[in-house]
Amino acid sequence: MMKITNLLKWALFALLAAYAAFGVTVLFFSEAFFGFLQGLSPDGNIGNPSKVTYTFNLYFLLMAAILFFSRAAFSKGVKRPAFSGLSGHVKTFYVASLVIILVNIFFHNNQFLHAEDGVQEYLTAGLALVAAGICLVLTFRCDGWVSRAFWLGFTALLFFFGMEEISWGQRIIGWETPEGLAEINTQGESNLHNIFNDIFNIVYIIFAIVIGTIVYYRDWVISLLKKIPGLGELTFFVPSHEFFYSGMLFLFLAAYTNSFFDGGGETMEAVFSVFITAYAYDMLQRVGEKEKFRQPSHSLAEIRR
């Protein structure tokens, strides 16, 4: 295990050195650099140098994230739960996520599964709305304004995410997209996320890094929250260590999203909807156990009477 972590550490240093060299090349030798790329291009032309630079930055960020969190995943100091000991809903999350990924890899051209109003889109939206409902319940069951604000914010975000996925029911009900929105929306639909499609690749990578940080450095995140005034109570809601393997899962999805396969982003969103539903249900159970712990036992209550 130690050899693997050392190898990953040196690979990360090498990648950082390569990125530094890339930055120097683009800043001071851009003409020669893009001239070299033009020679490699099939048509001998680089139409958009800015997009090429963006793509290089994207892949450097992705590779750095994969190496950094892979090292954390293999570290001896990190607690890795046995799959056999995981809770049923967490096991379901992992199995369902693998099924979604495999289906997308082998059947990514299947219109029934992946087209607009396809199975995957409705699965994503449906689970997001279910998770929003669970978070709303948690809003009323938790104590303290910080916790309530946290879960209320999650409720709003998940409801927005689920409704955006189905364009707020536009294709179900059948209304026309407002003219101003249709002009700036890449698919001419009544949603906001398709306006920003160009930045989604890097957003997916950052999202995967956030998930990886939370699950691989769980103890550090909890320690940090305890040091911030008013946020200490949120430590209870940091994902359980049972979600440890989701870090590598989302890092793989970030790589898959930026590969040559179609529908990688949709795969990321579908797995996220399963993850957030399992997480919300896990929190609901933990809150229930916390409430049960606070209540006196039946026998003790009888004695007090």
Protein backbone atom coordinates (compact mmCIF):
# COMPACT_ATOMS: atom_id res chain seq x y z
CA MET A 1 0.00 0.00 0.00
CA MET A 2 2.87 2.35 0.86
CA LYS A 3 4.48 1.79 -2.55
CA ILE A 4 1.23 2.71 -4.29
CA THR A 5 0.78 5.95 -2.31
CA ASN A 6 4.40 6.95 -2.98
CA LEU A 7 3.98 6.23 -6.68
CA LEU A 8 0.82 8.33 -6.79
CA LYS A 9 2.57 11.15 -4.91
CA TRP A 10 5.42 11.29 -7.42
CA ALA A 11 2.96 11.04 -10.30
CA LEU A 12 1.15 14.07 -8.87
CA PHE A 13 4.42 16.02 -8.62
CA ALA A 14 5.24 15.09 -12.22
CA LEU A 15 1.80 16.25 -13.34
CA LEU A 16 2.22 19.58 -11.54
CA ALA A 17 5.61 20.05 -13.21
CA ALA A 18 4.05 19.27 -16.60
CA TYR A 19 1.28 21.77 -15.93
CA ALA A 20 3.83 24.44 -14.99
CA ALA A 21 5.68 23.74 -18.24
CA PHE A 22 2.40 23.97 -20.14
CA GLY A 23 1.62 27.33 -18.53
CA VAL A 24 5.05 28.75 -19.41
CA THR A 25 4.72 27.46 -22.99
CA VAL A 26 1.29 29.01 -23.53
CA LEU A 27 2.32 32.35 -21.99
CA PHE A 28 5.68 32.82 -23.73
CA PHE A 29 5.71 30.47 -26.72
CA SER A 30 2.05 30.34 -27.74
CA GLU A 31 2.69 30.80 -31.47
CA ALA A 32 5.13 27.88 -31.61
CA PHE A 33 2.87 25.75 -29.37
CA PHE A 34 -0.25 26.20 -31.47
CA GLY A 35 1.80 25.83 -34.64
CA PHE A 36 2.93 22.43 -33.33
CA LEU A 37 -0.70 21.46 -32.58
CA GLN A 38 -1.76 22.52 -36.06
CA GLY A 39 0.78 20.09 -37.46
CA LEU A 40 -0.89 17.30 -35.47
CA SER A 41 -4.42 18.32 -36.46
CA PRO A 42 -5.99 16.24 -39.30
CA ASP A 43 -7.03 19.39 -41.19
CA GLY A 44 -3.96 21.40 -40.18
CA ASN A 45 -6.04 24.04 -38.43
CA ILE A 46 -6.70 25.08 -34.82
CA GLY A 47 -9.94 27.03 -35.02
CA ASN A 48 -10.22 28.17 -31.40
CA PRO A 49 -6.95 28.43 -29.41
CA SER A 50 -8.86 29.56 -26.29
CA LYS A 51 -10.94 26.39 -26.35
CA VAL A 52 -7.81 24.28 -26.77
CA THR A 53 -6.22 25.98 -23.75
CA TYR A 54 -9.42 25.45 -21.77
CA THR A 55 -9.42 21.75 -22.68
CA PHE A 56 -5.81 21.32 -21.57
CA ASN A 57 -6.59 23.01 -18.24
CA LEU A 58 -9.63 20.78 -17.87
CA TYR A 59 -7.65 17.58 -18.28
CA PHE A 60 -4.81 18.71 -16.05
CA LEU A 61 -7.38 19.46 -13.30
CA LEU A 62 -9.04 16.11 -13.83
CA MET A 63 -5.80 14.13 -13.68
CA ALA A 64 -4.64 16.03 -10.59
CA ALA A 65 -7.94 15.25 -8.84
CA ILE A 66 -7.74 11.56 -9.73
CA LEU A 67 -4.15 11.23 -8.50
CA PHE A 68 -4.74 13.26 -5.34
CA PHE A 69 -7.82 11.36 -4.22
CA SER A 70 -6.49 8.00 -5.33
CA ARG A 71 -3.59 8.57 -2.96
CA ALA A 72 -6.06 9.35 -0.16
CA ALA A 73 -8.10 6.26 -1.00
CA PHE A 74 -5.03 3.99 -0.69
CA SER A 75 -3.61 5.68 2.39
CA LYS A 76 -3.21 3.45 5.45
CA GLY A 77 -4.63 6.17 7.70
CA VAL A 78 -7.98 6.25 5.89
CA LYS A 79 -10.79 4.07 7.20
CA ARG A 80 -12.20 1.90 4.41
CA PRO A 81 -15.44 0.14 5.39
CA ALA A 82 -16.02 -3.45 4.26
CA PHE A 83 -18.78 -3.68 1.67
CA SER A 84 -20.40 -6.57 3.55
CA GLY A 85 -20.87 -4.36 6.61
CA LEU A 86 -22.57 -1.47 4.80
CA SER A 87 -26.18 -0.52 5.46
CA GLY A 88 -28.75 -1.80 2.99
CA HIS A 89 -29.53 1.62 1.48
CA VAL A 90 -25.81 2.37 1.03
CA LYS A 91 -25.25 -0.97 -0.71
CA THR A 92 -28.23 -0.17 -2.93
CA PHE A 93 -26.61 3.13 -3.85
CA TYR A 94 -23.36 1.47 -4.94
CA VAL A 95 -25.06 -1.32 -6.88
CA ALA A 96 -27.52 1.04 -8.58
CA SER A 97 -24.68 3.43 -9.48
CA LEU A 98 -22.66 0.65 -11.10
CA VAL A 99 -25.71 -0.52 -13.04
CA ILE A 100 -26.34 3.04 -14.31
CA ILE A 101 -22.71 3.45 -15.36
CA LEU A 102 -22.56 0.09 -17.15
CA VAL A 103 -25.87 0.69 -18.93
CA ASN A 104 -24.61 4.08 -20.10
CA ILE A 105 -21.30 2.67 -21.31
CA PHE A 106 -22.77 -0.23 -23.27
CA PHE A 107 -26.07 1.32 -24.35
CA HIS A 108 -25.22 5.03 -24.59
CA ASN A 109 -26.88 5.26 -28.01
CA ASN A 110 -30.18 3.78 -26.85
CA GLN A 111 -32.78 6.55 -27.30
CA PHE A 112 -35.34 4.91 -25.02
CA LEU A 113 -32.90 5.10 -22.14
CA HIS A 114 -31.01 8.31 -22.78
CA ALA A 115 -33.06 10.62 -24.99
CA GLU A 116 -35.08 13.58 -23.73
CA ASP A 117 -37.96 12.16 -21.67
CA GLY A 118 -36.07 8.87 -21.53
CA VAL A 119 -35.85 6.47 -18.60
CA GLN A 120 -32.67 7.96 -17.19
CA GLU A 121 -33.94 11.53 -17.27
CA TYR A 122 -37.13 10.67 -15.38
CA LEU A 123 -35.17 8.50 -12.94
CA THR A 124 -32.85 11.42 -12.20
CA ALA A 125 -35.69 13.90 -11.77
CA GLY A 126 -37.83 11.51 -9.72
CA LEU A 127 -35.08 10.62 -7.26
CA ALA A 128 -34.05 14.28 -6.90
CA LEU A 129 -37.62 15.17 -5.94
CA VAL A 130 -37.81 12.23 -3.51
CA ALA A 131 -34.56 13.42 -1.90
CA ALA A 132 -35.99 16.96 -1.74
CA GLY A 133 -39.00 15.58 0.14
CA ILE A 134 -36.75 13.77 2.64
CA CYS A 135 -34.70 16.94 3.15
CA LEU A 136 -37.91 18.88 3.81
CA VAL A 137 -38.81 16.36 6.52
CA LEU A 138 -35.33 16.79 7.99
CA THR A 139 -35.84 20.56 8.03
CA PHE A 140 -38.66 20.14 10.55
CA ARG A 141 -37.08 17.33 12.53
CA CYS A 142 -33.72 18.96 13.18
CA ASP A 143 -32.96 21.41 16.00
CA GLY A 144 -31.16 24.70 15.53
CA TRP A 145 -31.48 27.33 12.84
CA VAL A 146 -28.20 26.34 11.13
CA SER A 147 -29.35 22.75 10.59
CA ARG A 148 -32.78 23.86 9.45
CA ALA A 149 -31.31 26.37 7.02
CA PHE A 150 -28.94 23.68 5.72
CA TRP A 151 -31.73 21.19 4.98
CA LEU A 152 -34.12 23.85 3.68
CA GLY A 153 -31.41 24.98 1.27
CA PHE A 154 -30.88 21.36 0.18
CA THR A 155 -34.63 21.00 -0.34
CA ALA A 156 -34.74 24.03 -2.61
CA LEU A 157 -31.63 23.00 -4.59
CA LEU A 158 -32.85 19.43 -5.14
CA PHE A 159 -36.33 20.57 -6.13
CA PHE A 160 -34.77 23.02 -8.60
CA PHE A 161 -32.44 20.30 -9.93
CA GLY A 162 -35.28 17.79 -10.40
CA MET A 163 -37.60 20.26 -12.11
CA GLU A 164 -34.82 21.62 -14.34
CA GLU A 165 -34.10 18.06 -15.48
CA ILE A 166 -37.62 17.79 -16.95
CA SER A 167 -37.72 21.45 -18.03
CA TRP A 168 -40.33 22.18 -15.34
CA GLY A 169 -42.76 19.79 -16.99
CA GLN A 170 -42.74 21.61 -20.33
CA ARG A 171 -42.76 18.50 -22.49
CA ILE A 172 -45.33 16.85 -20.23
CA ILE A 173 -47.79 19.75 -20.30
CA GLY A 174 -46.75 21.09 -23.68
CA TRP A 175 -46.27 24.88 -23.37
CA GLU A 176 -44.06 26.94 -25.66
CA THR A 177 -40.70 28.24 -24.50
CA PRO A 178 -40.72 32.04 -24.02
CA GLU A 179 -39.03 33.72 -26.97
CA GLY A 180 -36.25 35.38 -24.98
CA LEU A 181 -35.33 32.13 -23.22
CA ALA A 182 -35.48 30.10 -26.44
CA GLU A 183 -32.87 32.39 -28.03
CA ILE A 184 -30.24 31.78 -25.35
CA ASN A 185 -31.11 28.18 -24.44
CA THR A 186 -29.08 25.69 -26.50
CA GLN A 187 -32.05 23.29 -26.72
CA GLY A 188 -34.81 25.91 -26.86
CA GLU A 189 -36.37 24.61 -23.63
CA SER A 190 -37.84 26.21 -20.51
CA ASN A 191 -34.88 25.63 -18.24
CA LEU A 192 -31.79 27.52 -17.11
CA HIS A 193 -29.08 24.84 -17.07
CA ASN A 194 -28.89 24.51 -20.86
CA ILE A 195 -27.76 28.14 -21.05
CA PHE A 196 -24.49 27.17 -19.34
CA ASN A 197 -23.68 23.90 -21.10
CA ASP A 198 -20.20 25.13 -22.07
CA ILE A 199 -18.99 25.24 -18.47
CA PHE A 200 -20.53 21.98 -17.26
CA ASN A 201 -17.41 19.89 -17.92
CA ILE A 202 -15.34 21.81 -15.42
CA VAL A 203 -18.32 22.06 -13.02
CA TYR A 204 -18.57 18.25 -12.99
CA ILE A 205 -14.87 17.96 -12.14
CA ILE A 206 -15.14 20.50 -9.31
CA PHE A 207 -18.25 18.71 -8.05
CA ALA A 208 -16.34 15.40 -8.00
CA ILE A 209 -13.47 17.06 -6.11
CA VAL A 210 -15.90 18.38 -3.48
CA ILE A 211 -17.45 14.92 -3.00
CA GLY A 212 -14.00 13.34 -2.84
CA THR A 213 -12.79 15.85 -0.25
CA ILE A 214 -15.80 15.26 1.99
CA VAL A 215 -15.67 11.45 1.94
CA TYR A 216 -11.88 10.93 1.88
CA TYR A 217 -11.06 13.68 4.38
CA ARG A 218 -14.15 13.25 6.54
CA ASP A 219 -12.33 13.69 9.86
CA TRP A 220 -10.65 16.88 8.61
CA VAL A 221 -14.01 18.29 7.42
CA ILE A 222 -15.61 17.56 10.80
CA SER A 223 -12.66 19.17 12.61
CA LEU A 224 -12.92 22.27 10.40
CA LEU A 225 -16.67 22.66 10.99
CA LYS A 226 -16.14 22.45 14.75
CA LYS A 227 -13.73 25.37 14.58
CA ILE A 228 -16.20 27.65 12.75
CA PRO A 229 -18.62 29.38 15.16
CA GLY A 230 -22.21 28.25 14.62
CA LEU A 231 -21.37 25.38 12.28
CA GLY A 232 -20.39 22.75 14.84
CA GLU A 233 -23.84 21.15 14.76
CA LEU A 234 -23.41 20.42 11.04
CA THR A 235 -20.75 17.82 11.81
CA PHE A 236 -23.57 15.35 12.48
CA PHE A 237 -24.67 15.72 8.87
CA VAL A 238 -21.31 15.00 7.23
CA PRO A 239 -21.86 11.83 5.15
CA SER A 240 -21.23 8.56 6.97
CA HIS A 241 -17.91 6.79 6.35
CA GLU A 242 -20.01 4.17 4.53
CA PHE A 243 -20.08 6.56 1.55
CA PHE A 244 -16.27 6.40 1.32
CA TYR A 245 -16.20 4.66 -2.06
CA SER A 246 -18.46 7.28 -3.64
CA GLY A 247 -15.40 9.53 -3.94
CA MET A 248 -13.74 7.28 -6.49
CA LEU A 249 -17.09 6.69 -8.15
CA PHE A 250 -17.61 10.41 -8.82
CA LEU A 251 -14.01 10.90 -9.90
CA PHE A 252 -14.51 8.14 -12.47
CA LEU A 253 -17.69 9.88 -13.61
CA ALA A 254 -15.82 13.17 -13.99
CA ALA A 255 -13.36 11.39 -16.29
CA TYR A 256 -16.20 9.65 -18.14
CA THR A 257 -18.04 12.94 -18.59
CA ASN A 258 -14.96 14.42 -20.25
CA SER A 259 -14.34 11.39 -22.46
CA PHE A 260 -15.54 10.80 -26.00
CA PHE A 261 -18.73 9.05 -24.86
CA ASP A 262 -22.07 10.80 -25.19
CA GLY A 263 -24.23 11.23 -22.14
CA GLY A 264 -21.43 11.31 -19.56
CA GLY A 265 -22.92 14.34 -17.88
CA GLU A 266 -26.32 12.68 -17.73
CA THR A 267 -24.67 9.67 -16.10
CA MET A 268 -23.10 11.90 -13.46
CA GLU A 269 -26.48 13.47 -12.73
CA ALA A 270 -28.26 10.10 -12.51
CA VAL A 271 -25.68 8.68 -10.07
CA PHE A 272 -25.82 11.89 -8.05
CA SER A 273 -29.59 11.56 -7.72
CA VAL A 274 -29.14 8.02 -6.34
CA PHE A 275 -26.36 9.21 -4.03
CA ILE A 276 -28.30 12.14 -2.61
CA THR A 277 -31.39 10.00 -2.05
CA ALA A 278 -29.35 7.39 -0.15
CA TYR A 279 -27.59 10.14 1.79
CA ALA A 280 -30.85 11.89 2.73
CA TYR A 281 -32.39 8.59 3.85
CA ASP A 282 -29.23 7.84 5.86
CA MET A 283 -29.53 11.23 7.58
CA LEU A 284 -33.21 10.59 8.31
CA GLN A 285 -32.30 7.33 10.03
CA ARG A 286 -29.51 8.97 12.02
CA VAL A 287 -31.82 11.78 13.16
CA GLY A 288 -34.37 9.17 14.21
CA GLU A 289 -31.73 7.32 16.22
CA LYS A 290 -30.65 10.59 17.80
CA GLU A 291 -34.23 11.39 18.84
CA LYS A 292 -34.69 7.88 20.20
CA PHE A 293 -31.50 8.21 22.24
CA ARG A 294 -32.78 11.44 23.79
CA GLN A 295 -36.07 9.87 24.90
CA PRO A 296 -36.21 8.00 28.23
CA SER A 297 -36.83 4.28 28.05
CA HIS A 298 -40.38 3.05 28.60
CA SER A 299 -39.52 1.46 31.93
CA LEU A 300 -37.83 4.64 33.18
CA ALA A 301 -40.85 6.69 32.12
CA GLU A 302 -43.11 4.35 34.05
CA ILE A 303 -40.93 4.71 37.16
CA ARG A 304 -41.10 8.50 36.94
CA ARG A 305 -44.87 8.33 36.85
